[in-house]
Amino acid sequence: MKSPIFIFSLPRSGSTLLQRILLSHKSIGGTPEPWFLLPLVYTLKEEGTVSDYSSKLSNKALKDLLNSLPNGDQIYYDEIRKFSSNIYSKFLKDEEVYFLDKTPRYYHIIDDIYKIFPNAKFIYLFRNPIQVYASILTTWCNNNFIKLYGSHNDITYGFNKLSEAYRKHKKHKNTFSINYESLVKNPKETIKSLQLFLELDYDENLEFNFIKTDINTENFLGDPTGIKKYKSISSETLYKWKLVFNTRIRKKIIKNYITKNLLCEDLKVQGFCKVKILEELNGIDNKGKYNFLKDLFSYIGYKTIIKFNLYLIFSNSTSWMKKTFIS
């Protein structure tokens, strides 16, 4: 196996489409979303995890251990690489020599991944944040703002972390960026330039063969939406957000998100302009049929859940925390 390929993006940015395109190449294999680098890397971080065995003490013990060695952290990274490469290689078949890892929340550990896999290929996929927000809201939240709490980090911190990482690593020889709009509007040239970057044997049919790519989202964590819905590369997804934010209250909500959460410099590094985004938003007529009060109270509920960490109390996935001491 050669060094892996990573796609860095936010959820609902078109990463599943890009993954399917790349997996249709004979030299690339993979699974939907491996995720396993996250817990391995987070053992080195003082914050970000809690457990009943005390993540804080575990981190201190590991740091003490690694500090007793020359270049301890790098030794640990090297061992993560060996372990990960071994796991990756077991999923490759026939002529496949590259494992493609597309895990959206790797935006938390991009710097670490560069250290673990210095010879890997890194693809940044950028999409207009309004489109991402709208897609998350309609796909995972049933168009109900109160359900956004599960994606809160993605639509707030995630965007800025992605920009910060790209700003830092864009001059790295193995770093490449793609805009989702370019991918769906001009797929032939975009896919061609991507294959050139990846140093693959050129395959002019990836644009069409991706529909044959089978990504198993039944047995692996992943996003099945695009796999089931799209049978060709289409630019229609670029405009669907206008049917989501087409009432006064909804436009105010997304405008508040853009102005308060996304910095101009972070938008710029991804190829977007805050002024133009807001101008396009303001140009939409308020003709939507969404219920004003329902959206208002739903949005207030979402913000309340985040402010007071109420999901820790009501979520089934965190119910175990009520039964034990965690740290």
Protein backbone atom coordinates (compact mmCIF):
# COMPACT_ATOMS: atom_id res chain seq x y z
CA MET A 1 0.00 0.00 0.00
CA LYS A 2 1.15 3.51 -0.82
CA SER A 3 0.46 6.52 1.42
CA PRO A 4 -3.28 7.15 1.89
CA ILE A 5 -5.41 9.92 0.43
CA PHE A 6 -7.43 12.16 2.76
CA ILE A 7 -10.45 14.31 1.96
CA PHE A 8 -10.87 17.21 4.39
CA SER A 9 -14.29 18.85 4.31
CA LEU A 10 -17.39 19.63 6.30
CA PRO A 11 -20.29 17.18 6.28
CA ARG A 12 -22.73 17.74 3.39
CA SER A 13 -20.03 19.40 1.27
CA GLY A 14 -20.11 16.90 -1.57
CA SER A 15 -17.44 14.67 -0.05
CA THR A 16 -19.44 11.50 -0.69
CA LEU A 17 -19.72 12.43 -4.37
CA LEU A 18 -15.98 13.10 -4.56
CA GLN A 19 -15.30 9.85 -2.72
CA ARG A 20 -17.42 7.85 -5.17
CA ILE A 21 -15.64 9.45 -8.11
CA LEU A 22 -12.21 8.60 -6.75
CA LEU A 23 -13.18 5.10 -5.65
CA SER A 24 -14.18 4.32 -9.23
CA HIS A 25 -10.48 4.50 -10.14
CA LYS A 26 -8.82 1.09 -10.22
CA SER A 27 -5.97 2.20 -7.92
CA ILE A 28 -8.11 3.53 -5.05
CA GLY A 29 -10.06 1.67 -2.39
CA GLY A 30 -11.68 2.54 0.92
CA THR A 31 -14.66 2.43 3.26
CA PRO A 32 -17.32 5.15 3.80
CA GLU A 33 -15.96 6.94 6.91
CA PRO A 34 -13.27 5.15 8.99
CA TRP A 35 -13.14 7.71 11.86
CA PHE A 36 -10.58 5.68 13.81
CA LEU A 37 -7.76 8.25 13.64
CA LEU A 38 -9.81 10.54 15.90
CA PRO A 39 -9.63 8.47 19.13
CA LEU A 40 -6.00 7.56 18.43
CA VAL A 41 -4.94 11.19 18.06
CA TYR A 42 -7.11 12.43 20.93
CA THR A 43 -5.13 10.35 23.41
CA LEU A 44 -2.51 13.12 23.03
CA LYS A 45 -4.97 15.94 23.71
CA GLU A 46 -5.75 17.32 27.16
CA GLU A 47 -9.27 18.34 26.15
CA GLY A 48 -11.95 16.94 23.88
CA THR A 49 -12.80 13.59 25.47
CA VAL A 50 -14.32 12.31 28.70
CA SER A 51 -14.45 8.77 30.04
CA ASP A 52 -15.15 6.73 33.14
CA TYR A 53 -11.44 5.84 33.43
CA SER A 54 -10.48 9.57 33.33
CA SER A 55 -9.22 10.78 29.98
CA LYS A 56 -7.42 13.59 31.76
CA LEU A 57 -5.28 11.24 33.88
CA SER A 58 -4.74 8.93 30.93
CA ASN A 59 -3.45 11.85 28.87
CA LYS A 60 -1.09 12.89 31.66
CA ALA A 61 0.27 9.36 31.98
CA LEU A 62 0.81 9.10 28.23
CA LYS A 63 2.50 12.50 28.09
CA ASP A 64 4.82 11.53 30.95
CA LEU A 65 5.68 8.34 29.12
CA LEU A 66 6.39 10.03 25.79
CA ASN A 67 8.30 12.90 27.40
CA SER A 68 10.75 10.36 28.78
CA LEU A 69 11.70 9.44 25.21
CA PRO A 70 13.59 11.55 22.67
CA ASN A 71 11.01 12.74 20.11
CA GLY A 72 8.31 10.88 22.02
CA ASP A 73 5.36 12.48 20.26
CA GLN A 74 6.78 11.70 16.82
CA ILE A 75 7.44 8.11 17.87
CA TYR A 76 3.78 7.87 18.86
CA TYR A 77 2.69 9.39 15.53
CA ASP A 78 4.90 6.90 13.69
CA GLU A 79 3.27 4.00 15.51
CA ILE A 80 -0.19 5.37 14.68
CA ARG A 81 0.88 5.46 11.03
CA LYS A 82 2.06 1.84 11.10
CA PHE A 83 -1.11 0.65 12.80
CA SER A 84 -3.41 2.71 10.55
CA SER A 85 -1.62 1.66 7.37
CA ASN A 86 -2.02 -1.97 8.39
CA ILE A 87 -5.76 -1.50 8.90
CA TYR A 88 -6.15 0.49 5.67
CA SER A 89 -4.30 -2.13 3.62
CA LYS A 90 -6.71 -4.88 4.67
CA PHE A 91 -9.53 -3.11 2.81
CA LEU A 92 -7.69 -2.83 -0.50
CA LYS A 93 -8.45 -5.27 -3.30
CA ASP A 94 -6.88 -6.32 -6.59
CA GLU A 95 -5.00 -3.35 -8.13
CA GLU A 96 -5.89 -0.89 -5.36
CA VAL A 97 -2.82 0.70 -3.76
CA TYR A 98 -4.28 3.86 -2.20
CA PHE A 99 -6.73 3.94 0.70
CA LEU A 100 -9.10 6.92 0.60
CA ASP A 101 -10.12 8.18 4.04
CA LYS A 102 -13.07 10.56 4.01
CA THR A 103 -14.03 11.37 7.59
CA PRO A 104 -15.59 14.86 7.85
CA ARG A 105 -14.69 15.45 11.49
CA TYR A 106 -11.02 15.03 10.78
CA TYR A 107 -11.08 18.84 10.67
CA HIS A 108 -10.30 18.51 14.40
CA ILE A 109 -6.97 16.75 13.76
CA ILE A 110 -5.69 17.93 10.36
CA ASP A 111 -2.34 19.12 11.75
CA ASP A 112 -1.83 15.75 13.43
CA ILE A 113 -2.63 13.85 10.24
CA TYR A 114 0.05 15.79 8.38
CA LYS A 115 2.53 14.64 11.04
CA ILE A 116 1.32 11.04 10.98
CA PHE A 117 1.27 10.75 7.19
CA PRO A 118 3.78 13.29 5.82
CA ASN A 119 3.74 11.64 2.38
CA ALA A 120 -0.03 11.32 2.05
CA LYS A 121 -2.15 13.29 -0.42
CA PHE A 122 -4.51 15.85 1.13
CA ILE A 123 -7.60 17.09 -0.69
CA TYR A 124 -9.56 20.03 0.74
CA LEU A 125 -13.13 20.24 -0.51
CA PHE A 126 -14.81 23.61 0.01
CA ARG A 127 -18.50 24.41 -0.34
CA ASN A 128 -20.51 27.58 0.22
CA PRO A 129 -21.41 27.54 3.96
CA ILE A 130 -25.04 28.48 3.27
CA GLN A 131 -25.37 25.41 1.07
CA VAL A 132 -23.79 23.24 3.77
CA TYR A 133 -26.10 24.64 6.47
CA ALA A 134 -29.18 24.14 4.30
CA SER A 135 -28.19 20.60 3.39
CA ILE A 136 -27.58 19.63 7.02
CA LEU A 137 -30.88 21.21 8.06
CA THR A 138 -32.96 19.43 5.42
CA THR A 139 -31.11 16.10 5.29
CA TRP A 140 -30.41 15.31 8.94
CA CYS A 141 -32.74 17.62 10.85
CA ASN A 142 -36.00 17.25 8.93
CA ASN A 143 -35.91 21.02 8.34
CA ASN A 144 -36.24 21.54 12.09
CA PHE A 145 -33.72 23.94 13.66
CA ILE A 146 -33.92 22.35 17.10
CA LYS A 147 -32.21 19.23 15.74
CA LEU A 148 -29.15 21.19 14.63
CA TYR A 149 -27.40 20.70 17.97
CA GLY A 150 -25.87 17.45 16.69
CA SER A 151 -24.14 19.37 13.89
CA HIS A 152 -23.38 22.53 15.84
CA ASN A 153 -19.60 22.05 15.83
CA ASP A 154 -19.64 21.30 12.11
CA ILE A 155 -21.37 24.51 11.06
CA THR A 156 -19.53 26.76 13.51
CA TYR A 157 -16.04 25.62 14.52
CA GLY A 158 -15.63 23.20 11.63
CA PHE A 159 -15.64 25.83 8.91
CA ASN A 160 -13.02 27.96 10.63
CA LYS A 161 -10.84 24.96 11.51
CA LEU A 162 -10.86 23.88 7.88
CA SER A 163 -9.80 27.36 6.76
CA GLU A 164 -7.11 27.55 9.43
CA ALA A 165 -5.63 24.21 8.37
CA TYR A 166 -5.66 25.05 4.66
CA ARG A 167 -4.06 28.42 5.30
CA LYS A 168 -1.29 26.65 7.18
CA HIS A 169 -0.71 23.76 4.76
CA LYS A 170 -1.70 25.08 1.32
CA LYS A 171 1.94 25.36 0.20
CA HIS A 172 2.62 21.74 1.09
CA LYS A 173 3.43 19.87 -2.13
CA ASN A 174 0.80 17.22 -1.39
CA THR A 175 -2.05 19.65 -0.66
CA PHE A 176 -4.82 20.25 -3.21
CA SER A 177 -8.11 22.16 -2.99
CA ILE A 178 -11.38 21.75 -4.85
CA ASN A 179 -14.47 23.93 -4.84
CA TYR A 180 -17.71 21.96 -4.88
CA GLU A 181 -19.18 24.35 -7.43
CA SER A 182 -16.30 23.67 -9.82
CA LEU A 183 -16.71 19.93 -9.31
CA VAL A 184 -20.38 19.89 -10.33
CA LYS A 185 -20.22 22.59 -13.00
CA ASN A 186 -16.99 21.50 -14.67
CA PRO A 187 -16.47 17.89 -13.59
CA LYS A 188 -14.28 16.80 -16.50
CA GLU A 189 -11.52 19.36 -15.95
CA THR A 190 -11.76 19.19 -12.16
CA ILE A 191 -11.46 15.41 -12.09
CA LYS A 192 -8.62 15.52 -14.61
CA SER A 193 -6.61 17.98 -12.50
CA LEU A 194 -7.30 15.88 -9.42
CA GLN A 195 -5.97 12.73 -11.07
CA LEU A 196 -2.89 14.64 -12.14
CA PHE A 197 -2.31 15.77 -8.55
CA LEU A 198 -2.76 12.23 -7.25
CA GLU A 199 -0.36 10.91 -9.91
CA LEU A 200 -2.87 8.34 -11.10
CA ASP A 201 -3.09 6.67 -14.47
CA TYR A 202 -5.58 8.93 -16.22
CA ASP A 203 -9.11 7.55 -16.49
CA GLU A 204 -11.44 9.79 -18.48
CA ASN A 205 -14.50 7.82 -17.41
CA LEU A 206 -14.48 8.59 -13.68
CA GLU A 207 -17.10 11.28 -14.28
CA PHE A 208 -19.54 8.58 -15.36
CA ASN A 209 -18.31 5.38 -13.70
CA PHE A 210 -18.84 6.67 -10.16
CA ILE A 211 -22.48 5.53 -10.26
CA LYS A 212 -21.19 1.95 -10.25
CA THR A 213 -19.20 2.52 -7.06
CA ASP A 214 -20.70 0.56 -4.19
CA ILE A 215 -20.17 2.25 -0.82
CA ASN A 216 -21.45 0.10 2.02
CA THR A 217 -23.26 2.45 4.41
CA GLU A 218 -25.29 -0.38 5.93
CA ASN A 219 -22.35 -1.98 7.71
CA PHE A 220 -20.15 1.14 7.97
CA LEU A 221 -20.81 4.65 9.23
CA GLY A 222 -21.31 7.03 6.32
CA ASP A 223 -23.72 9.32 4.53
CA PRO A 224 -26.04 7.27 2.28
CA THR A 225 -28.08 10.25 1.06
CA GLY A 226 -26.08 11.18 -2.03
CA ILE A 227 -25.43 7.53 -2.88
CA LYS A 228 -29.15 6.81 -3.11
CA LYS A 229 -30.18 10.09 -4.71
CA TYR A 230 -27.71 11.10 -7.38
CA LYS A 231 -26.99 9.03 -10.47
CA SER A 232 -25.06 11.76 -12.28
CA ILE A 233 -23.03 14.85 -11.45
CA SER A 234 -25.48 17.74 -11.33
CA SER A 235 -25.28 21.43 -10.43
CA GLU A 236 -28.88 21.53 -9.18
CA THR A 237 -27.67 21.19 -5.59
CA LEU A 238 -26.03 24.63 -5.81
CA TYR A 239 -29.39 26.38 -5.68
CA LYS A 240 -31.52 24.28 -3.32
CA TRP A 241 -30.58 26.44 -0.34
CA LYS A 242 -32.71 29.24 -1.81
CA LEU A 243 -35.78 27.10 -1.17
CA VAL A 244 -34.74 26.64 2.45
CA PHE A 245 -33.97 30.24 3.41
CA ASN A 246 -36.84 32.06 1.75
CA THR A 247 -38.76 33.56 4.67
CA ARG A 248 -37.98 36.58 6.79
CA ILE A 249 -37.14 34.59 9.93
CA ARG A 250 -35.07 31.99 8.10
CA LYS A 251 -33.08 34.63 6.26
CA LYS A 252 -32.43 36.36 9.57
CA ILE A 253 -31.23 33.10 11.14
CA ILE A 254 -28.77 32.30 8.36
CA LYS A 255 -27.63 35.93 8.15
CA ASN A 256 -26.88 35.85 11.87
CA TYR A 257 -24.89 32.64 11.34
CA ILE A 258 -22.84 34.13 8.50
CA THR A 259 -22.08 37.44 10.21
CA LYS A 260 -21.31 36.11 13.71
CA ASN A 261 -19.67 32.75 13.10
CA LEU A 262 -17.72 33.03 9.86
CA LEU A 263 -14.75 35.36 9.60
CA CYS A 264 -14.06 37.20 6.34
CA GLU A 265 -10.53 35.82 6.16
CA ASP A 266 -11.75 32.25 6.69
CA LEU A 267 -14.30 32.66 3.92
CA LYS A 268 -11.70 34.21 1.65
CA VAL A 269 -9.20 31.37 2.04
CA GLN A 270 -11.91 28.98 0.83
CA GLY A 271 -12.76 31.23 -2.12
CA PHE A 272 -15.89 32.92 -0.77
CA CYS A 273 -16.82 36.53 -0.05
CA LYS A 274 -19.06 37.39 2.90
CA VAL A 275 -20.45 40.49 1.16
CA LYS A 276 -21.46 38.53 -1.96
CA ILE A 277 -23.01 35.73 0.08
CA LEU A 278 -25.14 38.22 2.01
CA GLU A 279 -26.08 40.08 -1.16
CA GLU A 280 -27.33 36.87 -2.74
CA LEU A 281 -29.24 36.04 0.43
CA ASN A 282 -30.87 39.48 0.56
CA GLY A 283 -31.97 39.08 -3.05
CA ILE A 284 -34.24 36.13 -2.26
CA ASP A 285 -37.96 36.89 -2.05
CA ASN A 286 -39.74 36.09 1.22
CA LYS A 287 -42.20 33.72 -0.41
CA GLY A 288 -41.55 30.58 1.59
CA LYS A 289 -44.36 28.74 3.35
CA TYR A 290 -42.50 27.81 6.53
CA ASN A 291 -44.32 28.59 9.79
CA PHE A 292 -42.82 31.66 11.47
CA LEU A 293 -43.55 30.66 15.08
CA LYS A 294 -42.45 27.06 14.56
CA ASP A 295 -39.10 28.19 13.13
CA LEU A 296 -38.64 30.83 15.82
CA PHE A 297 -39.23 28.50 18.77
CA SER A 298 -37.31 25.69 17.09
CA TYR A 299 -34.28 27.94 16.63
CA ILE A 300 -34.54 29.24 20.22
CA GLY A 301 -34.70 25.62 21.38
CA TYR A 302 -31.55 24.76 19.44
CA LYS A 303 -29.65 27.70 20.92
CA THR A 304 -30.88 26.83 24.42
CA ILE A 305 -29.73 23.22 24.07
CA ILE A 306 -26.26 24.39 23.03
CA LYS A 307 -25.95 27.11 25.67
CA PHE A 308 -26.80 24.84 28.60
CA ASN A 309 -25.46 21.54 27.17
CA LEU A 310 -28.92 20.04 27.53
CA TYR A 311 -28.12 17.25 25.07
CA LEU A 312 -25.93 15.74 27.81
CA ILE A 313 -29.06 15.35 29.92
CA PHE A 314 -31.59 14.15 27.37
CA SER A 315 -29.52 12.25 24.79
CA ASN A 316 -29.57 8.45 24.93
CA SER A 317 -25.96 8.37 23.78
CA THR A 318 -24.83 10.16 26.95
CA SER A 319 -27.11 8.42 29.45
CA TRP A 320 -24.15 6.37 30.76
CA MET A 321 -22.64 9.58 32.14
CA LYS A 322 -25.38 9.78 34.75
CA LYS A 323 -24.27 6.50 36.29
CA THR A 324 -20.57 7.11 36.78
CA PHE A 325 -17.93 9.71 37.52
CA ILE A 326 -16.40 11.04 34.33
CA SER A 327 -13.35 13.17 33.65
